Amino acid sequence: MIRSFFFNLLVLPVIALVIWVSFLWPQSGQFRSPKGKALIEGVWTQICYENEGDIDLMLPGPIALNSSVLSPPYIWRISKENIDKGPNNQIFPTERFISRFLPGNKLDMVPTDAKGKKLPKAGKLLAYYHLKDDYLFICWSYLGDPRPESFTTSVNTKTRMLVVLRRGIIK
């Protein structure tokens, strides 16, 4: 009885942490940027996002407890001129942007339709990004708010979104 209690109290949380961290840890060299180069172009998996100070994990897995239905990874495909994002399945991409990378880790994103035409009345998203090894952090504002200067959101920043991406596709 006592042994079972300690097992549940100590061992199970450690196992859960190891499994969770394994999703975030770089899994193989095939997705890493070439030595000495910090490349943003490529495929990224969104691992979490923050809006109004609330953080939500986006890791692939069961959509509910005791569910056999798995959610696909939410991926971003980034090139010099475009960003496509959405679930890694037959409906990808669900969102498209014309992207412009600017000096000082600034990024402008303009929403487009499926054919790449700018959406009428869609404002430009002003973003700030940071690349750290195999992780890309992007914080943007919309609805005409100024470009963020930090990687935070709060209940007072209703027009700001922060995402954390990991290089490659997490399965």
C-alpha atoms as a PDB file:
ATOM      1  CA  MET A   1       0.000   0.000   0.000  1.00  0.00           C
ATOM      2  CA  ILE A   2       2.719   2.504   1.015  1.00  0.00           C
ATOM      3  CA  ARG A   3       4.909   1.356  -1.874  1.00  0.00           C
ATOM      4  CA  SER A   4       2.037   1.907  -4.322  1.00  0.00           C
ATOM      5  CA  PHE A   5       1.428   5.373  -2.863  1.00  0.00           C
ATOM      6  CA  PHE A   6       5.064   6.410  -3.347  1.00  0.00           C
ATOM      7  CA  PHE A   7       5.068   4.935  -6.846  1.00  0.00           C
ATOM      8  CA  ASN A   8       2.034   7.038  -7.799  1.00  0.00           C
ATOM      9  CA  LEU A   9       3.397  10.106  -6.054  1.00  0.00           C
ATOM     10  CA  LEU A  10       6.981  10.032  -7.356  1.00  0.00           C
ATOM     11  CA  VAL A  11       7.500   7.669 -10.270  1.00  0.00           C
ATOM     12  CA  LEU A  12       4.427   8.386 -12.400  1.00  0.00           C
ATOM     13  CA  PRO A  13       5.015  12.168 -12.546  1.00  0.00           C
ATOM     14  CA  VAL A  14       8.654  11.574 -13.535  1.00  0.00           C
ATOM     15  CA  ILE A  15       7.574   9.201 -16.326  1.00  0.00           C
ATOM     16  CA  ALA A  16       4.990  11.723 -17.545  1.00  0.00           C
ATOM     17  CA  LEU A  17       7.619  14.494 -17.543  1.00  0.00           C
ATOM     18  CA  VAL A  18      10.089  12.364 -19.531  1.00  0.00           C
ATOM     19  CA  ILE A  19       7.434  11.567 -22.156  1.00  0.00           C
ATOM     20  CA  TRP A  20       6.380  15.233 -22.411  1.00  0.00           C
ATOM     21  CA  VAL A  21       9.990  16.474 -22.698  1.00  0.00           C
ATOM     22  CA  SER A  22      10.734  13.876 -25.389  1.00  0.00           C
ATOM     23  CA  PHE A  23       8.207  15.660 -27.635  1.00  0.00           C
ATOM     24  CA  LEU A  24      10.056  18.932 -27.169  1.00  0.00           C
ATOM     25  CA  TRP A  25      13.641  17.649 -27.345  1.00  0.00           C
ATOM     26  CA  PRO A  26      15.212  17.742 -30.810  1.00  0.00           C
ATOM     27  CA  GLN A  27      14.612  14.228 -32.122  1.00  0.00           C
ATOM     28  CA  SER A  28      17.026  13.858 -35.006  1.00  0.00           C
ATOM     29  CA  GLY A  29      19.578  15.747 -37.020  1.00  0.00           C
ATOM     30  CA  GLN A  30      17.464  15.783 -40.178  1.00  0.00           C
ATOM     31  CA  PHE A  31      15.454  18.784 -38.970  1.00  0.00           C
ATOM     32  CA  ARG A  32      18.332  20.819 -37.600  1.00  0.00           C
ATOM     33  CA  SER A  33      19.736  23.827 -39.346  1.00  0.00           C
ATOM     34  CA  PRO A  34      23.168  23.397 -40.939  1.00  0.00           C
ATOM     35  CA  LYS A  35      26.021  24.069 -38.552  1.00  0.00           C
ATOM     36  CA  GLY A  36      26.629  27.773 -38.095  1.00  0.00           C
ATOM     37  CA  LYS A  37      23.410  28.830 -39.857  1.00  0.00           C
ATOM     38  CA  ALA A  38      20.167  29.779 -38.189  1.00  0.00           C
ATOM     39  CA  LEU A  39      17.532  29.012 -40.799  1.00  0.00           C
ATOM     40  CA  ILE A  40      13.907  29.906 -40.319  1.00  0.00           C
ATOM     41  CA  GLU A  41      12.724  28.445 -43.603  1.00  0.00           C
ATOM     42  CA  GLY A  42      11.262  24.961 -43.386  1.00  0.00           C
ATOM     43  CA  VAL A  43       8.570  23.038 -41.538  1.00  0.00           C
ATOM     44  CA  TRP A  44       7.825  23.713 -37.868  1.00  0.00           C
ATOM     45  CA  THR A  45       5.412  22.155 -35.375  1.00  0.00           C
ATOM     46  CA  GLN A  46       3.466  24.506 -33.128  1.00  0.00           C
ATOM     47  CA  ILE A  47       3.912  23.186 -29.595  1.00  0.00           C
ATOM     48  CA  CYS A  48       1.999  25.881 -27.714  1.00  0.00           C
ATOM     49  CA  TYR A  49       0.399  29.280 -28.000  1.00  0.00           C
ATOM     50  CA  GLU A  50      -0.480  32.027 -25.572  1.00  0.00           C
ATOM     51  CA  ASN A  51      -3.334  34.502 -25.872  1.00  0.00           C
ATOM     52  CA  GLU A  52      -4.534  36.889 -23.146  1.00  0.00           C
ATOM     53  CA  GLY A  53      -2.055  35.276 -20.735  1.00  0.00           C
ATOM     54  CA  ASP A  54      -3.518  31.767 -21.184  1.00  0.00           C
ATOM     55  CA  ILE A  55      -1.205  29.040 -22.490  1.00  0.00           C
ATOM     56  CA  ASP A  56      -2.507  26.077 -24.503  1.00  0.00           C
ATOM     57  CA  LEU A  57      -0.390  23.098 -25.560  1.00  0.00           C
ATOM     58  CA  MET A  58      -0.756  21.984 -29.169  1.00  0.00           C
ATOM     59  CA  LEU A  59       1.133  18.681 -29.088  1.00  0.00           C
ATOM     60  CA  PRO A  60      -0.271  15.879 -31.231  1.00  0.00           C
ATOM     61  CA  GLY A  61      -2.081  13.133 -29.357  1.00  0.00           C
ATOM     62  CA  PRO A  62      -5.495  12.041 -28.111  1.00  0.00           C
ATOM     63  CA  ILE A  63      -8.128  14.759 -28.401  1.00  0.00           C
ATOM     64  CA  ALA A  64      -9.587  13.742 -25.028  1.00  0.00           C
ATOM     65  CA  LEU A  65      -8.810  11.422 -22.148  1.00  0.00           C
ATOM     66  CA  ASN A  66      -9.477   7.773 -23.048  1.00  0.00           C
ATOM     67  CA  SER A  67      -9.893   8.748 -26.705  1.00  0.00           C
ATOM     68  CA  SER A  68      -8.480   6.769 -29.607  1.00  0.00           C
ATOM     69  CA  VAL A  69      -8.899   9.773 -31.940  1.00  0.00           C
ATOM     70  CA  LEU A  70      -5.574  11.537 -32.391  1.00  0.00           C
ATOM     71  CA  SER A  71      -5.126  15.191 -33.261  1.00  0.00           C
ATOM     72  CA  PRO A  72      -2.568  15.824 -36.000  1.00  0.00           C
ATOM     73  CA  PRO A  73       0.379  18.138 -35.385  1.00  0.00           C
ATOM     74  CA  TYR A  74      -0.318  21.801 -36.199  1.00  0.00           C
ATOM     75  CA  ILE A  75       2.449  22.808 -38.561  1.00  0.00           C
ATOM     76  CA  TRP A  76       3.870  25.976 -40.080  1.00  0.00           C
ATOM     77  CA  ARG A  77       5.611  25.867 -43.470  1.00  0.00           C
ATOM     78  CA  ILE A  78       7.805  28.968 -43.696  1.00  0.00           C
ATOM     79  CA  SER A  79       9.549  30.273 -46.809  1.00  0.00           C
ATOM     80  CA  LYS A  80      11.104  33.650 -47.627  1.00  0.00           C
ATOM     81  CA  GLU A  81       7.830  34.976 -49.039  1.00  0.00           C
ATOM     82  CA  ASN A  82       5.051  32.852 -47.497  1.00  0.00           C
ATOM     83  CA  ILE A  83       3.842  31.215 -44.320  1.00  0.00           C
ATOM     84  CA  ASP A  84       1.268  28.418 -44.496  1.00  0.00           C
ATOM     85  CA  LYS A  85      -0.122  26.896 -41.331  1.00  0.00           C
ATOM     86  CA  GLY A  86      -2.707  24.365 -40.230  1.00  0.00           C
ATOM     87  CA  PRO A  87      -3.169  20.750 -39.155  1.00  0.00           C
ATOM     88  CA  ASN A  88      -0.854  18.244 -40.835  1.00  0.00           C
ATOM     89  CA  ASN A  89      -3.571  16.478 -42.813  1.00  0.00           C
ATOM     90  CA  GLN A  90      -5.522  16.762 -46.081  1.00  0.00           C
ATOM     91  CA  ILE A  91      -6.908  20.243 -45.246  1.00  0.00           C
ATOM     92  CA  PHE A  92      -3.452  21.869 -44.833  1.00  0.00           C
ATOM     93  CA  PRO A  93      -3.055  24.846 -45.032  1.00  0.00           C
ATOM     94  CA  THR A  94      -5.979  26.461 -43.257  1.00  0.00           C
ATOM     95  CA  GLU A  95      -4.236  29.859 -43.051  1.00  0.00           C
ATOM     96  CA  ARG A  96      -1.867  31.552 -45.497  1.00  0.00           C
ATOM     97  CA  PHE A  97       0.226  34.701 -45.230  1.00  0.00           C
ATOM     98  CA  ILE A  98       2.593  36.723 -47.354  1.00  0.00           C
ATOM     99  CA  SER A  99       5.607  37.148 -45.088  1.00  0.00           C
ATOM    100  CA  ARG A 100       8.346  39.751 -45.010  1.00  0.00           C
ATOM    101  CA  PHE A 101      11.316  39.301 -42.689  1.00  0.00           C
ATOM    102  CA  LEU A 102      12.795  42.616 -41.597  1.00  0.00           C
ATOM    103  CA  PRO A 103      16.029  43.547 -39.779  1.00  0.00           C
ATOM    104  CA  GLY A 104      15.925  43.354 -35.989  1.00  0.00           C
ATOM    105  CA  ASN A 105      13.946  40.072 -35.858  1.00  0.00           C
ATOM    106  CA  LYS A 106      10.802  41.749 -37.142  1.00  0.00           C
ATOM    107  CA  LEU A 107       8.248  40.018 -39.335  1.00  0.00           C
ATOM    108  CA  ASP A 108       5.227  41.326 -41.222  1.00  0.00           C
ATOM    109  CA  MET A 109       2.480  38.854 -42.165  1.00  0.00           C
ATOM    110  CA  VAL A 110      -0.398  39.698 -44.513  1.00  0.00           C
ATOM    111  CA  PRO A 111      -3.328  37.200 -44.580  1.00  0.00           C
ATOM    112  CA  THR A 112      -4.162  35.808 -48.035  1.00  0.00           C
ATOM    113  CA  ASP A 113      -6.746  33.555 -49.632  1.00  0.00           C
ATOM    114  CA  ALA A 114      -6.002  30.045 -50.928  1.00  0.00           C
ATOM    115  CA  LYS A 115      -4.574  31.484 -54.172  1.00  0.00           C
ATOM    116  CA  GLY A 116      -2.208  33.870 -52.360  1.00  0.00           C
ATOM    117  CA  LYS A 117      -4.181  37.076 -52.974  1.00  0.00           C
ATOM    118  CA  LYS A 118      -4.316  39.590 -50.124  1.00  0.00           C
ATOM    119  CA  LEU A 119      -7.614  39.470 -48.283  1.00  0.00           C
ATOM    120  CA  PRO A 120      -9.568  42.711 -48.541  1.00  0.00           C
ATOM    121  CA  LYS A 121      -9.854  44.548 -45.234  1.00  0.00           C
ATOM    122  CA  ALA A 122      -7.360  42.152 -43.608  1.00  0.00           C
ATOM    123  CA  GLY A 123      -4.780  44.083 -41.651  1.00  0.00           C
ATOM    124  CA  LYS A 124      -1.084  43.360 -41.486  1.00  0.00           C
ATOM    125  CA  LEU A 125       0.114  41.306 -38.517  1.00  0.00           C
ATOM    126  CA  LEU A 126       3.194  42.922 -36.960  1.00  0.00           C
ATOM    127  CA  ALA A 127       5.459  40.349 -35.347  1.00  0.00           C
ATOM    128  CA  TYR A 128       8.685  40.003 -33.425  1.00  0.00           C
ATOM    129  CA  TYR A 129      10.513  36.651 -33.540  1.00  0.00           C
ATOM    130  CA  HIS A 130      13.432  34.874 -31.902  1.00  0.00           C
ATOM    131  CA  LEU A 131      15.191  31.708 -33.090  1.00  0.00           C
ATOM    132  CA  LYS A 132      16.906  29.601 -30.418  1.00  0.00           C
ATOM    133  CA  ASP A 133      18.372  26.319 -31.684  1.00  0.00           C
ATOM    134  CA  ASP A 134      15.393  24.261 -32.893  1.00  0.00           C
ATOM    135  CA  TYR A 135      12.778  26.585 -31.370  1.00  0.00           C
ATOM    136  CA  LEU A 136      11.151  29.613 -32.957  1.00  0.00           C
ATOM    137  CA  PHE A 137       9.180  32.105 -30.855  1.00  0.00           C
ATOM    138  CA  ILE A 138       6.819  34.481 -32.664  1.00  0.00           C
ATOM    139  CA  CYS A 139       4.754  37.174 -30.964  1.00  0.00           C
ATOM    140  CA  TRP A 140       2.436  39.308 -33.080  1.00  0.00           C
ATOM    141  CA  SER A 141      -0.227  41.929 -32.735  1.00  0.00           C
ATOM    142  CA  TYR A 142      -3.215  42.571 -34.950  1.00  0.00           C
ATOM    143  CA  LEU A 143      -6.110  44.999 -35.363  1.00  0.00           C
ATOM    144  CA  GLY A 144      -3.722  47.926 -35.826  1.00  0.00           C
ATOM    145  CA  ASP A 145      -1.843  47.552 -32.543  1.00  0.00           C
ATOM    146  CA  PRO A 146       1.896  48.315 -32.524  1.00  0.00           C
ATOM    147  CA  ARG A 147       4.485  45.569 -32.980  1.00  0.00           C
ATOM    148  CA  PRO A 148       5.206  43.726 -29.689  1.00  0.00           C
ATOM    149  CA  GLU A 149       8.561  44.379 -28.063  1.00  0.00           C
ATOM    150  CA  SER A 150       8.478  41.331 -25.796  1.00  0.00           C
ATOM    151  CA  PHE A 151       7.285  37.730 -25.862  1.00  0.00           C
ATOM    152  CA  THR A 152       4.330  38.054 -23.525  1.00  0.00           C
ATOM    153  CA  THR A 153       0.575  38.348 -23.565  1.00  0.00           C
ATOM    154  CA  SER A 154      -1.820  39.302 -20.791  1.00  0.00           C
ATOM    155  CA  VAL A 155      -5.505  39.916 -20.196  1.00  0.00           C
ATOM    156  CA  ASN A 156      -4.735  43.521 -21.149  1.00  0.00           C
ATOM    157  CA  THR A 157      -3.269  42.530 -24.536  1.00  0.00           C
ATOM    158  CA  LYS A 158      -6.303  41.076 -26.274  1.00  0.00           C
ATOM    159  CA  THR A 159      -4.799  41.689 -29.724  1.00  0.00           C
ATOM    160  CA  ARG A 160      -1.523  39.847 -29.156  1.00  0.00           C
ATOM    161  CA  MET A 161      -0.627  36.198 -29.785  1.00  0.00           C
ATOM    162  CA  LEU A 162       2.533  34.260 -28.905  1.00  0.00           C
ATOM    163  CA  VAL A 163       3.448  30.886 -30.434  1.00  0.00           C
ATOM    164  CA  VAL A 164       6.330  28.496 -29.803  1.00  0.00           C
ATOM    165  CA  LEU A 165       7.370  26.311 -32.738  1.00  0.00           C
ATOM    166  CA  ARG A 166       9.796  23.376 -32.880  1.00  0.00           C
ATOM    167  CA  ARG A 167      11.709  22.526 -36.025  1.00  0.00           C
ATOM    168  CA  GLY A 168      10.334  19.529 -37.950  1.00  0.00           C
ATOM    169  CA  ILE A 169       7.132  17.569 -37.551  1.00  0.00           C
ATOM    170  CA  ILE A 170       6.483  16.040 -34.143  1.00  0.00           C
ATOM    171  CA  LYS A 171       4.643  12.750 -34.428  1.00  0.00           C
END
